[in-house]
Amino acid sequence: MFSIWLGTDQRYIDFQADANNYGILTWDFDIIPSATVNFLDLTITINPNYRIQTKTYQKAMNLYQYILPSSAHSPKMMKGIVYGLIRQYKLQNTLPSDYINQLKLLFQRFVARGWNKRLIKSYILEADSKLSNPIPSNNNADETLTNKE
């Protein structure tokens, strides 16, 4: 279980006792709370201003086995992979510097897999541009679609 506790220390101790007195399960709680925790693919931090910040977390043993350039996949599929990863990084990273760092790492990892530097750079820049400057939707909220369209 992962939680963010905003109450007092005593209320946290009371919560632990209540959780362990309910039902047949028992819980192990961290005794020393932390302002930072790695949870799934995020590092979550409560900064000194009590605001939550997130950044991408990647395990040290991650092999980053991205598709090789010798693969028979189409170039459009590769663009989609790059776009999806960059979109994830943009959503995960509160600070722009953390986002930029992830883009640099992504570039380095693709080049290490044998991808052409110029090609990967163009995919990354194109994806970043699309995510940074989204095209407004032309959908009119008053229009109603029917099953005949």
N, C-alpha and C. Protein backbone atom coordinates (compact mmCIF):
# COMPACT_ATOMS: atom_id res chain seq x y z
N MET A 1 0.85 -1.15 0.00
CA MET A 1 0.00 0.00 0.00
C MET A 1 0.90 1.23 0.00
N PHE A 2 0.49 2.24 -0.72
CA PHE A 2 1.22 3.50 -0.77
C PHE A 2 0.26 4.59 -0.33
N SER A 3 0.71 5.49 0.52
CA SER A 3 -0.15 6.59 0.94
C SER A 3 0.70 7.81 1.24
N ILE A 4 0.03 8.94 1.22
CA ILE A 4 0.66 10.20 1.63
C ILE A 4 -0.07 10.64 2.89
N TRP A 5 0.66 10.75 3.98
CA TRP A 5 0.05 11.10 5.26
C TRP A 5 0.29 12.56 5.56
N LEU A 6 -0.80 13.29 5.77
CA LEU A 6 -0.69 14.72 6.07
C LEU A 6 -1.01 15.05 7.52
N GLY A 7 -1.39 14.04 8.29
CA GLY A 7 -1.74 14.26 9.69
C GLY A 7 -0.53 14.25 10.60
N THR A 8 -0.80 14.26 11.89
CA THR A 8 0.27 14.27 12.90
C THR A 8 0.85 12.87 13.05
N ASP A 9 1.99 12.80 13.72
CA ASP A 9 2.64 11.51 13.98
C ASP A 9 1.73 10.61 14.82
N GLN A 10 1.10 11.20 15.82
CA GLN A 10 0.22 10.40 16.69
C GLN A 10 -0.97 9.84 15.90
N ARG A 11 -1.52 10.63 15.02
CA ARG A 11 -2.65 10.14 14.20
C ARG A 11 -2.18 9.02 13.28
N TYR A 12 -0.95 9.08 12.82
CA TYR A 12 -0.39 8.01 11.98
C TYR A 12 -0.25 6.72 12.79
N ILE A 13 0.21 6.83 14.01
CA ILE A 13 0.32 5.67 14.89
C ILE A 13 -1.06 5.08 15.16
N ASP A 14 -2.05 5.95 15.40
CA ASP A 14 -3.43 5.50 15.61
C ASP A 14 -3.97 4.80 14.37
N PHE A 15 -3.67 5.36 13.21
CA PHE A 15 -4.11 4.75 11.95
C PHE A 15 -3.52 3.35 11.79
N GLN A 16 -2.24 3.19 12.10
CA GLN A 16 -1.59 1.88 12.01
C GLN A 16 -2.30 0.86 12.91
N ALA A 17 -2.60 1.28 14.13
CA ALA A 17 -3.28 0.38 15.07
C ALA A 17 -4.67 0.02 14.56
N ASP A 18 -5.40 1.00 14.05
CA ASP A 18 -6.74 0.74 13.52
C ASP A 18 -6.68 -0.22 12.34
N ALA A 19 -5.70 -0.03 11.45
CA ALA A 19 -5.58 -0.90 10.27
C ALA A 19 -5.28 -2.33 10.69
N ASN A 20 -4.45 -2.50 11.68
CA ASN A 20 -4.09 -3.85 12.13
C ASN A 20 -5.15 -4.50 13.01
N ASN A 21 -6.08 -3.71 13.55
CA ASN A 21 -7.17 -4.26 14.36
C ASN A 21 -8.40 -4.56 13.53
N TYR A 22 -8.37 -4.27 12.24
CA TYR A 22 -9.52 -4.51 11.38
C TYR A 22 -9.28 -5.79 10.58
N GLY A 23 -10.16 -6.73 10.70
CA GLY A 23 -10.05 -7.96 9.92
C GLY A 23 -8.89 -8.84 10.36
N ILE A 24 -8.50 -9.76 9.46
CA ILE A 24 -7.46 -10.73 9.82
C ILE A 24 -6.09 -10.37 9.25
N LEU A 25 -6.03 -9.39 8.38
CA LEU A 25 -4.74 -8.99 7.80
C LEU A 25 -3.96 -8.12 8.77
N THR A 26 -2.63 -8.22 8.69
CA THR A 26 -1.78 -7.29 9.43
C THR A 26 -0.89 -6.58 8.42
N TRP A 27 -0.52 -5.38 8.76
CA TRP A 27 0.22 -4.52 7.84
C TRP A 27 1.56 -4.14 8.44
N ASP A 28 2.57 -4.06 7.58
CA ASP A 28 3.87 -3.51 7.98
C ASP A 28 3.94 -2.08 7.47
N PHE A 29 4.15 -1.14 8.37
CA PHE A 29 4.21 0.27 8.01
C PHE A 29 5.64 0.76 8.14
N ASP A 30 6.00 1.72 7.29
CA ASP A 30 7.29 2.37 7.45
C ASP A 30 7.26 3.16 8.76
N ILE A 31 8.28 2.97 9.55
CA ILE A 31 8.33 3.68 10.82
C ILE A 31 8.77 5.12 10.60
N ILE A 32 9.69 5.32 9.67
CA ILE A 32 10.20 6.67 9.40
C ILE A 32 9.60 7.15 8.07
N PRO A 33 8.67 8.07 8.13
CA PRO A 33 8.10 8.59 6.88
C PRO A 33 9.17 9.33 6.08
N SER A 34 8.97 9.38 4.80
CA SER A 34 9.92 10.02 3.91
C SER A 34 9.20 11.03 3.03
N ALA A 35 9.92 12.06 2.63
CA ALA A 35 9.35 13.05 1.71
C ALA A 35 9.45 12.59 0.27
N THR A 36 10.18 11.49 0.01
CA THR A 36 10.36 10.97 -1.35
C THR A 36 10.19 9.46 -1.35
N VAL A 37 9.49 8.99 -2.38
CA VAL A 37 9.30 7.54 -2.52
C VAL A 37 9.28 7.19 -4.01
N ASN A 38 9.87 6.04 -4.34
CA ASN A 38 9.76 5.50 -5.69
C ASN A 38 8.56 4.57 -5.71
N PHE A 39 7.63 4.84 -6.60
CA PHE A 39 6.41 4.04 -6.71
C PHE A 39 6.16 3.77 -8.18
N LEU A 40 6.22 2.49 -8.56
CA LEU A 40 6.10 2.08 -9.96
C LEU A 40 7.16 2.81 -10.78
N ASP A 41 6.74 3.62 -11.77
CA ASP A 41 7.72 4.30 -12.61
C ASP A 41 7.84 5.79 -12.29
N LEU A 42 7.51 6.15 -11.04
CA LEU A 42 7.58 7.55 -10.61
C LEU A 42 8.40 7.68 -9.34
N THR A 43 9.10 8.79 -9.22
CA THR A 43 9.63 9.24 -7.95
C THR A 43 8.71 10.37 -7.51
N ILE A 44 8.08 10.19 -6.37
CA ILE A 44 7.11 11.17 -5.86
C ILE A 44 7.75 11.86 -4.66
N THR A 45 7.73 13.19 -4.69
CA THR A 45 8.36 13.98 -3.64
C THR A 45 7.39 15.04 -3.16
N ILE A 46 7.37 15.26 -1.86
CA ILE A 46 6.67 16.42 -1.32
C ILE A 46 7.75 17.46 -1.05
N ASN A 47 7.71 18.56 -1.80
CA ASN A 47 8.77 19.55 -1.69
C ASN A 47 8.59 20.40 -0.42
N PRO A 48 9.54 21.28 -0.11
CA PRO A 48 9.45 22.09 1.12
C PRO A 48 8.20 22.96 1.20
N ASN A 49 7.58 23.25 0.05
CA ASN A 49 6.34 24.04 0.05
C ASN A 49 5.10 23.15 0.14
N TYR A 50 5.30 21.86 0.44
CA TYR A 50 4.24 20.87 0.57
C TYR A 50 3.46 20.65 -0.73
N ARG A 51 4.16 20.79 -1.83
CA ARG A 51 3.58 20.48 -3.14
C ARG A 51 4.17 19.16 -3.62
N ILE A 52 3.33 18.38 -4.28
CA ILE A 52 3.79 17.10 -4.79
C ILE A 52 4.48 17.31 -6.13
N GLN A 53 5.68 16.76 -6.26
CA GLN A 53 6.42 16.78 -7.51
C GLN A 53 6.67 15.34 -7.93
N THR A 54 6.64 15.11 -9.23
CA THR A 54 6.93 13.76 -9.73
C THR A 54 8.01 13.84 -10.80
N LYS A 55 8.72 12.73 -10.93
CA LYS A 55 9.65 12.59 -12.03
C LYS A 55 9.76 11.11 -12.37
N THR A 56 10.20 10.83 -13.58
CA THR A 56 10.31 9.47 -14.05
C THR A 56 11.33 8.70 -13.23
N TYR A 57 10.95 7.50 -12.80
CA TYR A 57 11.86 6.61 -12.10
C TYR A 57 12.13 5.41 -13.01
N GLN A 58 13.40 5.09 -13.19
CA GLN A 58 13.79 3.94 -13.99
C GLN A 58 14.80 3.13 -13.18
N LYS A 59 14.54 1.85 -13.07
CA LYS A 59 15.43 0.99 -12.27
C LYS A 59 16.82 0.94 -12.87
N ALA A 60 17.80 0.82 -12.02
CA ALA A 60 19.20 0.77 -12.46
C ALA A 60 19.46 -0.43 -13.37
N MET A 61 18.73 -1.52 -13.16
CA MET A 61 18.96 -2.73 -13.95
C MET A 61 18.14 -2.79 -15.24
N ASN A 62 17.37 -1.72 -15.54
CA ASN A 62 16.58 -1.69 -16.77
C ASN A 62 17.52 -1.79 -17.97
N LEU A 63 17.23 -2.70 -18.89
CA LEU A 63 18.10 -2.92 -20.04
C LEU A 63 17.74 -2.05 -21.25
N TYR A 64 16.58 -1.40 -21.22
CA TYR A 64 16.15 -0.50 -22.31
C TYR A 64 16.30 -1.19 -23.67
N GLN A 65 15.64 -2.32 -23.81
CA GLN A 65 15.74 -3.09 -25.04
C GLN A 65 14.73 -2.60 -26.07
N TYR A 66 14.97 -1.40 -26.56
CA TYR A 66 14.13 -0.82 -27.59
C TYR A 66 14.35 -1.57 -28.91
N ILE A 67 13.40 -1.44 -29.81
CA ILE A 67 13.48 -2.10 -31.11
C ILE A 67 14.75 -1.66 -31.84
N LEU A 68 15.42 -2.62 -32.45
CA LEU A 68 16.65 -2.34 -33.20
C LEU A 68 16.32 -1.74 -34.57
N PRO A 69 17.23 -0.96 -35.12
CA PRO A 69 16.98 -0.38 -36.45
C PRO A 69 16.90 -1.45 -37.54
N SER A 70 17.46 -2.62 -37.30
CA SER A 70 17.41 -3.70 -38.29
C SER A 70 16.06 -4.41 -38.29
N SER A 71 15.18 -4.03 -37.39
CA SER A 71 13.85 -4.64 -37.31
C SER A 71 13.04 -4.31 -38.56
N ALA A 72 12.10 -5.15 -38.88
CA ALA A 72 11.26 -4.94 -40.07
C ALA A 72 10.08 -4.00 -39.79
N HIS A 73 10.03 -3.41 -38.61
CA HIS A 73 8.94 -2.50 -38.28
C HIS A 73 9.02 -1.24 -39.16
N SER A 74 7.87 -0.67 -39.43
CA SER A 74 7.84 0.53 -40.28
C SER A 74 8.36 1.74 -39.50
N PRO A 75 8.88 2.73 -40.22
CA PRO A 75 9.36 3.95 -39.55
C PRO A 75 8.25 4.66 -38.77
N LYS A 76 7.00 4.57 -39.25
CA LYS A 76 5.89 5.22 -38.54
C LYS A 76 5.68 4.59 -37.17
N MET A 77 5.90 3.29 -37.08
CA MET A 77 5.75 2.63 -35.80
C MET A 77 6.81 3.13 -34.82
N MET A 78 8.03 3.33 -35.33
CA MET A 78 9.10 3.84 -34.48
C MET A 78 8.79 5.26 -34.01
N LYS A 79 8.23 6.06 -34.90
CA LYS A 79 7.82 7.41 -34.50
C LYS A 79 6.79 7.34 -33.37
N GLY A 80 5.89 6.37 -33.48
CA GLY A 80 4.86 6.19 -32.46
C GLY A 80 5.43 5.78 -31.12
N ILE A 81 6.44 4.92 -31.14
CA ILE A 81 7.10 4.51 -29.90
C ILE A 81 7.76 5.71 -29.24
N VAL A 82 8.49 6.48 -30.03
CA VAL A 82 9.17 7.67 -29.50
C VAL A 82 8.14 8.66 -28.95
N TYR A 83 7.07 8.88 -29.71
CA TYR A 83 6.03 9.82 -29.27
C TYR A 83 5.42 9.35 -27.95
N GLY A 84 5.10 8.06 -27.85
CA GLY A 84 4.49 7.53 -26.63
C GLY A 84 5.39 7.66 -25.42
N LEU A 85 6.66 7.38 -25.59
CA LEU A 85 7.61 7.51 -24.48
C LEU A 85 7.75 8.97 -24.05
N ILE A 86 7.84 9.86 -25.02
CA ILE A 86 8.00 11.28 -24.70
C ILE A 86 6.74 11.84 -24.05
N ARG A 87 5.59 11.41 -24.51
CA ARG A 87 4.32 11.84 -23.89
C ARG A 87 4.30 11.40 -22.43
N GLN A 88 4.71 10.17 -22.18
CA GLN A 88 4.76 9.66 -20.81
C GLN A 88 5.71 10.51 -19.97
N TYR A 89 6.90 10.82 -20.50
CA TYR A 89 7.85 11.64 -19.76
C TYR A 89 7.30 13.04 -19.49
N LYS A 90 6.60 13.61 -20.45
CA LYS A 90 6.05 14.95 -20.28
C LYS A 90 5.00 14.96 -19.16
N LEU A 91 4.19 13.91 -19.11
CA LEU A 91 3.16 13.82 -18.08
C LEU A 91 3.75 13.51 -16.70
N GLN A 92 4.83 12.78 -16.65
CA GLN A 92 5.39 12.32 -15.38
C GLN A 92 6.28 13.34 -14.69
N ASN A 93 6.87 14.24 -15.43
CA ASN A 93 7.90 15.11 -14.87
C ASN A 93 7.37 16.51 -14.59
N THR A 94 7.31 16.84 -13.31
CA THR A 94 6.84 18.16 -12.89
C THR A 94 7.79 19.26 -13.37
N LEU A 95 9.07 19.03 -13.19
CA LEU A 95 10.08 20.04 -13.55
C LEU A 95 10.53 19.87 -15.00
N PRO A 96 10.58 20.96 -15.77
CA PRO A 96 11.07 20.86 -17.14
C PRO A 96 12.48 20.27 -17.24
N SER A 97 13.33 20.53 -16.26
CA SER A 97 14.70 20.00 -16.31
C SER A 97 14.70 18.46 -16.23
N ASP A 98 13.79 17.89 -15.47
CA ASP A 98 13.69 16.43 -15.40
C ASP A 98 13.19 15.85 -16.72
N TYR A 99 12.25 16.54 -17.35
CA TYR A 99 11.74 16.13 -18.66
C TYR A 99 12.85 16.15 -19.71
N ILE A 100 13.61 17.23 -19.75
CA ILE A 100 14.72 17.37 -20.71
C ILE A 100 15.75 16.26 -20.47
N ASN A 101 16.04 15.98 -19.21
CA ASN A 101 16.99 14.92 -18.89
C ASN A 101 16.51 13.57 -19.44
N GLN A 102 15.22 13.29 -19.33
CA GLN A 102 14.67 12.04 -19.86
C GLN A 102 14.81 11.98 -21.38
N LEU A 103 14.61 13.12 -22.05
CA LEU A 103 14.77 13.15 -23.51
C LEU A 103 16.21 12.85 -23.90
N LYS A 104 17.15 13.41 -23.16
CA LYS A 104 18.57 13.15 -23.44
C LYS A 104 18.90 11.68 -23.24
N LEU A 105 18.39 11.10 -22.16
CA LEU A 105 18.64 9.68 -21.90
C LEU A 105 18.01 8.81 -22.99
N LEU A 106 16.80 9.17 -23.41
CA LEU A 106 16.13 8.41 -24.47
C LEU A 106 16.96 8.44 -25.75
N PHE A 107 17.44 9.61 -26.11
CA PHE A 107 18.28 9.75 -27.29
C PHE A 107 19.52 8.86 -27.18
N GLN A 108 20.21 8.95 -26.06
CA GLN A 108 21.43 8.16 -25.86
C GLN A 108 21.14 6.66 -25.94
N ARG A 109 20.03 6.25 -25.38
CA ARG A 109 19.70 4.81 -25.38
C ARG A 109 19.36 4.30 -26.77
N PHE A 110 18.66 5.11 -27.56
CA PHE A 110 18.35 4.69 -28.93
C PHE A 110 19.62 4.64 -29.78
N VAL A 111 20.49 5.61 -29.60
CA VAL A 111 21.76 5.61 -30.35
C VAL A 111 22.59 4.39 -29.94
N ALA A 112 22.58 4.05 -28.66
CA ALA A 112 23.31 2.87 -28.19
C ALA A 112 22.74 1.58 -28.80
N ARG A 113 21.48 1.60 -29.18
CA ARG A 113 20.86 0.43 -29.82
C ARG A 113 21.14 0.40 -31.32
N GLY A 114 21.82 1.44 -31.83
CA GLY A 114 22.22 1.44 -33.23
C GLY A 114 21.44 2.37 -34.13
N TRP A 115 20.55 3.15 -33.56
CA TRP A 115 19.75 4.07 -34.38
C TRP A 115 20.59 5.26 -34.83
N ASN A 116 20.27 5.77 -36.01
CA ASN A 116 20.93 6.94 -36.58
C ASN A 116 20.61 8.16 -35.71
N LYS A 117 21.66 8.90 -35.33
CA LYS A 117 21.49 10.05 -34.43
C LYS A 117 20.52 11.09 -35.01
N ARG A 118 20.70 11.42 -36.29
CA ARG A 118 19.84 12.44 -36.90
C ARG A 118 18.38 12.01 -36.93
N LEU A 119 18.16 10.74 -37.26
CA LEU A 119 16.79 10.24 -37.35
C LEU A 119 16.11 10.26 -35.98
N ILE A 120 16.76 9.75 -34.97
CA ILE A 120 16.17 9.72 -33.63
C ILE A 120 15.98 11.14 -33.11
N LYS A 121 16.94 12.01 -33.38
CA LYS A 121 16.80 13.42 -32.96
C LYS A 121 15.58 14.04 -33.61
N SER A 122 15.35 13.77 -34.90
CA SER A 122 14.19 14.34 -35.59
C SER A 122 12.88 13.78 -35.00
N TYR A 123 12.86 12.49 -34.67
CA TYR A 123 11.66 11.90 -34.05
C TYR A 123 11.38 12.53 -32.69
N ILE A 124 12.43 12.73 -31.90
CA ILE A 124 12.28 13.31 -30.57
C ILE A 124 11.81 14.76 -30.67
N LEU A 125 12.43 15.53 -31.54
CA LEU A 125 12.05 16.94 -31.69
C LEU A 125 10.62 17.08 -32.21
N GLU A 126 10.25 16.22 -33.16
CA GLU A 126 8.89 16.27 -33.70
C GLU A 126 7.85 15.93 -32.63
N ALA A 127 8.13 14.89 -31.84
CA ALA A 127 7.20 14.50 -30.78
C ALA A 127 7.10 15.59 -29.72
N ASP A 128 8.24 16.16 -29.33
CA ASP A 128 8.23 17.23 -28.33
C ASP A 128 7.46 18.44 -28.84
N SER A 129 7.63 18.77 -30.10
CA SER A 129 6.92 19.92 -30.69
C SER A 129 5.41 19.68 -30.67
N LYS A 130 4.99 18.47 -31.04
CA LYS A 130 3.56 18.16 -31.04
C LYS A 130 2.97 18.23 -29.64
N LEU A 131 3.73 17.75 -28.66
CA LEU A 131 3.24 17.76 -27.28
C LEU A 131 3.28 19.15 -26.66
N SER A 132 4.24 19.96 -27.07
CA SER A 132 4.37 21.31 -26.52
C SER A 132 3.43 22.30 -27.18
N ASN A 133 3.02 22.01 -28.41
CA ASN A 133 2.15 22.92 -29.17
C ASN A 133 0.99 22.14 -29.77
N PRO A 134 0.08 21.65 -28.92
CA PRO A 134 -1.02 20.84 -29.46
C PRO A 134 -1.93 21.66 -30.37
N ILE A 135 -2.41 21.01 -31.41
CA ILE A 135 -3.34 21.65 -32.34
C ILE A 135 -4.72 21.64 -31.69
N PRO A 136 -5.37 22.81 -31.61
CA PRO A 136 -6.71 22.85 -31.00
C PRO A 136 -7.69 21.99 -31.80
N SER A 137 -8.59 21.38 -31.09
CA SER A 137 -9.60 20.54 -31.72
C SER A 137 -10.63 21.40 -32.42
N ASN A 138 -11.11 20.93 -33.56
CA ASN A 138 -12.17 21.64 -34.29
C ASN A 138 -13.56 21.18 -33.87
N ASN A 139 -13.63 20.30 -32.90
CA ASN A 139 -14.92 19.79 -32.45
C ASN A 139 -15.74 20.91 -31.84
N ASN A 140 -16.96 21.03 -32.31
CA ASN A 140 -17.89 22.01 -31.76
C ASN A 140 -18.74 21.28 -30.73
N ALA A 141 -18.82 21.79 -29.52
CA ALA A 141 -19.55 21.11 -28.46
C ALA A 141 -21.04 21.02 -28.76
N ASP A 142 -21.55 21.91 -29.66
CA ASP A 142 -22.98 21.90 -29.98
C ASP A 142 -23.34 20.87 -31.03
N GLU A 143 -22.34 20.36 -31.75
CA GLU A 143 -22.63 19.40 -32.80
C GLU A 143 -22.92 18.03 -32.20
N THR A 144 -23.89 17.35 -32.77
CA THR A 144 -24.23 16.01 -32.32
C THR A 144 -23.97 15.04 -33.45
N LEU A 145 -23.21 14.00 -33.18
CA LEU A 145 -22.94 12.99 -34.19
C LEU A 145 -24.01 11.90 -34.09
N THR A 146 -24.34 11.38 -35.24
CA THR A 146 -25.28 10.27 -35.25
C THR A 146 -24.56 9.03 -35.74
N ASN A 147 -25.22 7.88 -35.67
CA ASN A 147 -24.58 6.65 -36.14
C ASN A 147 -24.52 6.58 -37.65
N LYS A 148 -25.03 7.59 -38.36
CA LYS A 148 -24.99 7.60 -39.82
C LYS A 148 -23.77 8.33 -40.35
N GLU A 149 -22.98 8.92 -39.48
CA GLU A 149 -21.81 9.69 -39.93
C GLU A 149 -20.58 8.86 -39.89
